[in-house]
C-alpha atoms as a PDB file:
ATOM      1  CA  UNK A   1       0.000   0.000   0.000  1.00  0.00           C
ATOM      2  CA  UNK A   2       2.822   2.352   0.867  1.00  0.00           C
ATOM      3  CA  UNK A   3       4.622   1.737  -2.425  1.00  0.00           C
ATOM      4  CA  UNK A   4       1.424   2.581  -4.317  1.00  0.00           C
ATOM      5  CA  UNK A   5       1.180   5.825  -2.338  1.00  0.00           C
ATOM      6  CA  UNK A   6       4.864   6.717  -2.674  1.00  0.00           C
ATOM      7  CA  UNK A   7       4.842   6.196  -6.450  1.00  0.00           C
ATOM      8  CA  UNK A   8       1.297   7.379  -7.183  1.00  0.00           C
ATOM      9  CA  UNK A   9       2.437   9.128 -10.381  1.00  0.00           C
ATOM     10  CA  UNK A  10       3.926   5.960 -11.888  1.00  0.00           C
ATOM     11  CA  UNK A  11       1.082   3.743 -13.148  1.00  0.00           C
ATOM     12  CA  UNK A  12       3.406   0.802 -13.800  1.00  0.00           C
ATOM     13  CA  UNK A  13       4.727   0.727 -10.232  1.00  0.00           C
ATOM     14  CA  UNK A  14       1.265   1.302  -8.764  1.00  0.00           C
ATOM     15  CA  UNK A  15      -0.184  -1.557 -10.819  1.00  0.00           C
ATOM     16  CA  UNK A  16       2.638  -3.910  -9.800  1.00  0.00           C
ATOM     17  CA  UNK A  17       2.331  -2.967  -6.125  1.00  0.00           C
ATOM     18  CA  UNK A  18      -1.440  -3.406  -6.112  1.00  0.00           C
ATOM     19  CA  UNK A  19      -1.250  -6.680  -8.034  1.00  0.00           C
ATOM     20  CA  UNK A  20       1.221  -8.015  -5.467  1.00  0.00           C
ATOM     21  CA  UNK A  21      -0.988  -6.754  -2.646  1.00  0.00           C
ATOM     22  CA  UNK A  22      -3.973  -8.558  -4.152  1.00  0.00           C
ATOM     23  CA  UNK A  23      -1.962 -11.753  -4.519  1.00  0.00           C
ATOM     24  CA  UNK A  24      -0.864 -11.485  -0.889  1.00  0.00           C
ATOM     25  CA  UNK A  25      -4.456 -11.112   0.285  1.00  0.00           C
ATOM     26  CA  UNK A  26      -5.511 -14.126  -1.788  1.00  0.00           C
ATOM     27  CA  UNK A  27      -2.663 -16.284  -0.437  1.00  0.00           C
ATOM     28  CA  UNK A  28      -3.756 -15.273   3.084  1.00  0.00           C
ATOM     29  CA  UNK A  29      -7.275 -16.460   2.271  1.00  0.00           C
ATOM     30  CA  UNK A  30      -8.731 -12.964   2.174  1.00  0.00           C
ATOM     31  CA  UNK A  31     -10.301 -13.330  -1.263  1.00  0.00           C
ATOM     32  CA  UNK A  32     -12.643 -10.361  -0.977  1.00  0.00           C
ATOM     33  CA  UNK A  33      -9.784  -7.965  -0.155  1.00  0.00           C
ATOM     34  CA  UNK A  34      -7.723  -9.357  -3.037  1.00  0.00           C
ATOM     35  CA  UNK A  35     -10.707  -8.937  -5.323  1.00  0.00           C
ATOM     36  CA  UNK A  36     -11.306  -5.344  -4.219  1.00  0.00           C
ATOM     37  CA  UNK A  37      -7.714  -4.382  -5.027  1.00  0.00           C
ATOM     38  CA  UNK A  38      -7.943  -5.923  -8.522  1.00  0.00           C
ATOM     39  CA  UNK A  39     -11.348  -4.349  -9.135  1.00  0.00           C
ATOM     40  CA  UNK A  40      -9.848  -0.960  -8.320  1.00  0.00           C
ATOM     41  CA  UNK A  41      -7.065  -1.468 -10.879  1.00  0.00           C
ATOM     42  CA  UNK A  42      -9.592  -2.835 -13.389  1.00  0.00           C
ATOM     43  CA  UNK A  43     -11.721   0.322 -13.104  1.00  0.00           C
ATOM     44  CA  UNK A  44      -8.629   2.383 -13.970  1.00  0.00           C
ATOM     45  CA  UNK A  45      -7.282   0.036 -16.680  1.00  0.00           C
ATOM     46  CA  UNK A  46     -10.192  -2.061 -18.037  1.00  0.00           C
ATOM     47  CA  UNK A  47      -8.273  -3.209 -21.125  1.00  0.00           C
ATOM     48  CA  UNK A  48      -5.144  -4.397 -19.293  1.00  0.00           C
ATOM     49  CA  UNK A  49      -4.688  -8.088 -20.185  1.00  0.00           C
ATOM     50  CA  UNK A  50      -2.964  -9.050 -16.945  1.00  0.00           C
ATOM     51  CA  UNK A  51      -5.617  -7.470 -14.750  1.00  0.00           C
ATOM     52  CA  UNK A  52      -8.395  -9.026 -16.851  1.00  0.00           C
ATOM     53  CA  UNK A  53      -6.746 -12.417 -16.416  1.00  0.00           C
ATOM     54  CA  UNK A  54      -6.051 -12.074 -12.713  1.00  0.00           C
ATOM     55  CA  UNK A  55      -9.497 -10.782 -11.784  1.00  0.00           C
ATOM     56  CA  UNK A  56     -11.231 -13.175 -14.180  1.00  0.00           C
ATOM     57  CA  UNK A  57      -9.327 -16.101 -12.659  1.00  0.00           C
ATOM     58  CA  UNK A  58     -10.127 -14.967  -9.129  1.00  0.00           C
ATOM     59  CA  UNK A  59     -13.828 -14.819 -10.005  1.00  0.00           C
ATOM     60  CA  UNK A  60     -13.669 -18.224 -11.711  1.00  0.00           C
ATOM     61  CA  UNK A  61     -11.832 -19.829  -8.827  1.00  0.00           C
ATOM     62  CA  UNK A  62     -14.644 -18.727  -6.516  1.00  0.00           C
ATOM     63  CA  UNK A  63     -17.319 -19.790  -9.010  1.00  0.00           C
ATOM     64  CA  UNK A  64     -18.797 -16.315  -9.367  1.00  0.00           C
ATOM     65  CA  UNK A  65     -19.336 -13.838 -12.201  1.00  0.00           C
ATOM     66  CA  UNK A  66     -18.383 -16.675 -14.552  1.00  0.00           C
ATOM     67  CA  UNK A  67     -19.704 -15.129 -17.754  1.00  0.00           C
ATOM     68  CA  UNK A  68     -17.885 -11.873 -17.009  1.00  0.00           C
ATOM     69  CA  UNK A  69     -14.766 -13.811 -15.984  1.00  0.00           C
ATOM     70  CA  UNK A  70     -14.722 -15.650 -19.320  1.00  0.00           C
ATOM     71  CA  UNK A  71     -14.996 -12.357 -21.233  1.00  0.00           C
ATOM     72  CA  UNK A  72     -12.159 -10.869 -19.177  1.00  0.00           C
ATOM     73  CA  UNK A  73      -9.883 -13.846 -19.718  1.00  0.00           C
ATOM     74  CA  UNK A  74     -10.612 -13.784 -23.457  1.00  0.00           C
ATOM     75  CA  UNK A  75      -9.230 -10.217 -23.499  1.00  0.00           C
ATOM     76  CA  UNK A  76      -6.029 -11.540 -21.939  1.00  0.00           C
ATOM     77  CA  UNK A  77      -5.764 -14.440 -24.403  1.00  0.00           C
ATOM     78  CA  UNK A  78      -6.306 -12.137 -27.385  1.00  0.00           C
ATOM     79  CA  UNK A  79      -3.235 -10.183 -26.276  1.00  0.00           C
ATOM     80  CA  UNK A  80      -1.050 -13.268 -25.645  1.00  0.00           C
ATOM     81  CA  UNK A  81      -2.566 -16.438 -27.131  1.00  0.00           C
ATOM     82  CA  UNK A  82       0.373 -18.611 -26.043  1.00  0.00           C
ATOM     83  CA  UNK A  83       0.576 -17.426 -22.418  1.00  0.00           C
ATOM     84  CA  UNK A  84       0.266 -20.556 -20.249  1.00  0.00           C
ATOM     85  CA  UNK A  85      -1.248 -18.663 -17.303  1.00  0.00           C
ATOM     86  CA  UNK A  86      -3.928 -17.127 -19.525  1.00  0.00           C
ATOM     87  CA  UNK A  87      -4.656 -20.512 -21.140  1.00  0.00           C
ATOM     88  CA  UNK A  88      -4.977 -22.064 -17.680  1.00  0.00           C
ATOM     89  CA  UNK A  89      -7.363 -19.302 -16.591  1.00  0.00           C
ATOM     90  CA  UNK A  90      -9.535 -19.907 -19.645  1.00  0.00           C
ATOM     91  CA  UNK A  91      -9.545 -23.632 -19.036  1.00  0.00           C
ATOM     92  CA  UNK A  92     -10.502 -23.077 -15.418  1.00  0.00           C
ATOM     93  CA  UNK A  93     -13.380 -20.692 -16.134  1.00  0.00           C
ATOM     94  CA  UNK A  94     -14.701 -23.057 -18.809  1.00  0.00           C
ATOM     95  CA  UNK A  95     -14.478 -25.922 -16.307  1.00  0.00           C
ATOM     96  CA  UNK A  96     -16.432 -23.861 -13.785  1.00  0.00           C
ATOM     97  CA  UNK A  97     -19.050 -23.184 -16.493  1.00  0.00           C
ATOM     98  CA  UNK A  98     -19.387 -26.908 -17.194  1.00  0.00           C
ATOM     99  CA  UNK A  99     -17.723 -26.722 -20.619  1.00  0.00           C
ATOM    100  CA  UNK A 100     -15.355 -29.613 -19.961  1.00  0.00           C
ATOM    101  CA  UNK A 101     -14.321 -30.535 -23.513  1.00  0.00           C
ATOM    102  CA  UNK A 102     -13.509 -26.913 -24.326  1.00  0.00           C
ATOM    103  CA  UNK A 103     -11.674 -26.528 -21.001  1.00  0.00           C
ATOM    104  CA  UNK A 104      -9.582 -29.590 -21.801  1.00  0.00           C
ATOM    105  CA  UNK A 105      -8.253 -27.987 -24.993  1.00  0.00           C
ATOM    106  CA  UNK A 106      -6.999 -24.897 -23.170  1.00  0.00           C
ATOM    107  CA  UNK A 107      -5.535 -26.811 -20.233  1.00  0.00           C
ATOM    108  CA  UNK A 108      -3.702 -29.309 -22.432  1.00  0.00           C
ATOM    109  CA  UNK A 109      -2.222 -26.412 -24.380  1.00  0.00           C
ATOM    110  CA  UNK A 110      -1.187 -24.663 -21.143  1.00  0.00           C
ATOM    111  CA  UNK A 111       0.397 -27.853 -19.748  1.00  0.00           C
ATOM    112  CA  UNK A 112       2.290 -28.364 -23.013  1.00  0.00           C
ATOM    113  CA  UNK A 113       4.173 -25.106 -22.610  1.00  0.00           C
ATOM    114  CA  UNK A 114       7.493 -24.875 -20.802  1.00  0.00           C
ATOM    115  CA  UNK A 115       6.077 -22.267 -18.418  1.00  0.00           C
ATOM    116  CA  UNK A 116       3.015 -24.496 -18.030  1.00  0.00           C
ATOM    117  CA  UNK A 117       4.920 -26.962 -15.880  1.00  0.00           C
ATOM    118  CA  UNK A 118       2.988 -25.819 -12.853  1.00  0.00           C
ATOM    119  CA  UNK A 119       1.128 -27.740 -10.162  1.00  0.00           C
ATOM    120  CA  UNK A 120      -2.030 -25.669 -10.428  1.00  0.00           C
ATOM    121  CA  UNK A 121      -2.293 -26.168 -14.193  1.00  0.00           C
ATOM    122  CA  UNK A 122      -1.949 -29.944 -13.825  1.00  0.00           C
ATOM    123  CA  UNK A 123      -4.423 -29.927 -10.915  1.00  0.00           C
ATOM    124  CA  UNK A 124      -6.956 -28.181 -13.151  1.00  0.00           C
ATOM    125  CA  UNK A 125      -6.209 -30.620 -15.960  1.00  0.00           C
ATOM    126  CA  UNK A 126      -6.817 -33.551 -13.604  1.00  0.00           C
ATOM    127  CA  UNK A 127     -10.144 -32.082 -12.505  1.00  0.00           C
ATOM    128  CA  UNK A 128     -11.272 -31.774 -16.124  1.00  0.00           C
ATOM    129  CA  UNK A 129     -10.231 -35.350 -16.888  1.00  0.00           C
ATOM    130  CA  UNK A 130     -12.191 -36.487 -13.835  1.00  0.00           C
ATOM    131  CA  UNK A 131     -15.339 -34.722 -15.037  1.00  0.00           C
ATOM    132  CA  UNK A 132     -14.857 -36.322 -18.452  1.00  0.00           C
ATOM    133  CA  UNK A 133     -14.610 -39.680 -16.628  1.00  0.00           C
ATOM    134  CA  UNK A 134     -11.021 -40.257 -17.769  1.00  0.00           C
ATOM    135  CA  UNK A 135      -9.885 -41.253 -14.296  1.00  0.00           C
ATOM    136  CA  UNK A 136      -6.499 -42.727 -15.233  1.00  0.00           C
ATOM    137  CA  UNK A 137      -5.571 -39.484 -16.980  1.00  0.00           C
ATOM    138  CA  UNK A 138      -6.895 -37.479 -14.010  1.00  0.00           C
ATOM    139  CA  UNK A 139      -4.708 -39.452 -11.594  1.00  0.00           C
ATOM    140  CA  UNK A 140      -1.716 -39.038 -13.899  1.00  0.00           C
ATOM    141  CA  UNK A 141      -2.275 -35.240 -14.054  1.00  0.00           C
ATOM    142  CA  UNK A 142      -2.715 -34.983 -10.275  1.00  0.00           C
ATOM    143  CA  UNK A 143       0.468 -36.996  -9.703  1.00  0.00           C
ATOM    144  CA  UNK A 144       2.346 -34.602 -12.007  1.00  0.00           C
ATOM    145  CA  UNK A 145       0.750 -31.662 -10.161  1.00  0.00           C
ATOM    146  CA  UNK A 146       1.899 -33.057  -6.823  1.00  0.00           C
ATOM    147  CA  UNK A 147       5.434 -33.656  -8.107  1.00  0.00           C
ATOM    148  CA  UNK A 148       5.660 -30.104  -9.486  1.00  0.00           C
ATOM    149  CA  UNK A 149       4.130 -28.585  -6.359  1.00  0.00           C
ATOM    150  CA  UNK A 150       6.449 -30.409  -3.993  1.00  0.00           C
ATOM    151  CA  UNK A 151       9.528 -29.319  -5.947  1.00  0.00           C
ATOM    152  CA  UNK A 152       8.365 -25.693  -6.214  1.00  0.00           C
ATOM    153  CA  UNK A 153      10.493 -23.283  -4.160  1.00  0.00           C
ATOM    154  CA  UNK A 154       7.274 -21.477  -3.148  1.00  0.00           C
ATOM    155  CA  UNK A 155       5.311 -24.542  -2.068  1.00  0.00           C
ATOM    156  CA  UNK A 156       1.563 -24.124  -1.831  1.00  0.00           C
ATOM    157  CA  UNK A 157       0.750 -26.367   1.130  1.00  0.00           C
ATOM    158  CA  UNK A 158      -3.009 -26.164   0.554  1.00  0.00           C
ATOM    159  CA  UNK A 159      -2.586 -27.316  -3.049  1.00  0.00           C
ATOM    160  CA  UNK A 160      -0.315 -30.181  -1.961  1.00  0.00           C
ATOM    161  CA  UNK A 161      -2.851 -31.310   0.659  1.00  0.00           C
ATOM    162  CA  UNK A 162      -5.698 -31.093  -1.875  1.00  0.00           C
ATOM    163  CA  UNK A 163      -3.728 -33.141  -4.408  1.00  0.00           C
ATOM    164  CA  UNK A 164      -2.794 -35.781  -1.842  1.00  0.00           C
ATOM    165  CA  UNK A 165      -6.474 -36.092  -0.919  1.00  0.00           C
ATOM    166  CA  UNK A 166      -7.551 -36.427  -4.561  1.00  0.00           C
ATOM    167  CA  UNK A 167      -4.962 -39.110  -5.167  1.00  0.00           C
ATOM    168  CA  UNK A 168      -5.922 -40.958  -1.978  1.00  0.00           C
ATOM    169  CA  UNK A 169      -9.580 -40.916  -3.035  1.00  0.00           C
ATOM    170  CA  UNK A 170      -8.714 -42.448  -6.400  1.00  0.00           C
ATOM    171  CA  UNK A 171      -6.542 -45.332  -5.214  1.00  0.00           C
ATOM    172  CA  UNK A 172      -7.878 -48.853  -5.052  1.00  0.00           C
ATOM    173  CA  UNK A 173      -6.485 -52.009  -3.495  1.00  0.00           C
ATOM    174  CA  UNK A 174      -4.711 -54.421  -5.868  1.00  0.00           C
ATOM    175  CA  UNK A 175      -7.153 -56.498  -7.878  1.00  0.00           C
ATOM    176  CA  UNK A 176     -10.080 -54.120  -7.363  1.00  0.00           C
ATOM    177  CA  UNK A 177     -11.382 -51.698  -9.915  1.00  0.00           C
ATOM    178  CA  UNK A 178     -11.378 -48.061  -8.944  1.00  0.00           C
ATOM    179  CA  UNK A 179     -14.781 -46.417  -9.450  1.00  0.00           C
ATOM    180  CA  UNK A 180     -14.924 -44.054 -12.403  1.00  0.00           C
ATOM    181  CA  UNK A 181     -15.784 -41.206 -10.017  1.00  0.00           C
ATOM    182  CA  UNK A 182     -15.203 -41.024  -6.275  1.00  0.00           C
ATOM    183  CA  UNK A 183     -18.954 -40.690  -5.638  1.00  0.00           C
ATOM    184  CA  UNK A 184     -19.912 -43.772  -7.670  1.00  0.00           C
ATOM    185  CA  UNK A 185     -20.638 -47.107  -5.938  1.00  0.00           C
END
């Protein structure tokens, strides 16, 4: 907050400071505060691809404003069609909207990029495979997500715990078939 005040005349520094502040709030679990900071930047710079992506993703992750989130993320993708983070965001919002086949295309493309070797991207990919009832591929994606997350210098403990739980729920004893979905008999 202080950096944004001290450099109020420099839009680039202010945007970076506020984006980092939003990210900090989100990592602390204070989604609404993180959202408010991004919404403030968005009001000032509604065409900024990065802000459209970040705010669109934040909405999608919470399952709200999904139509608006998709439009925002499309603005980001139009500016950088090969950006793995933007492709992941689009895949995630499409997943949240129930468009699993379309989501799969974006997430596979994101995961195929060098900068797409990220635990969150593979977690999202696994979730899409699960919804498409491709459980072996889901487990494979979640295992890759766990491997990437555990080796990340900035480990996301919540993501690691979530992945471990998903993998535990999809294991079966030798000789038994694993149900196609964890909620099936």
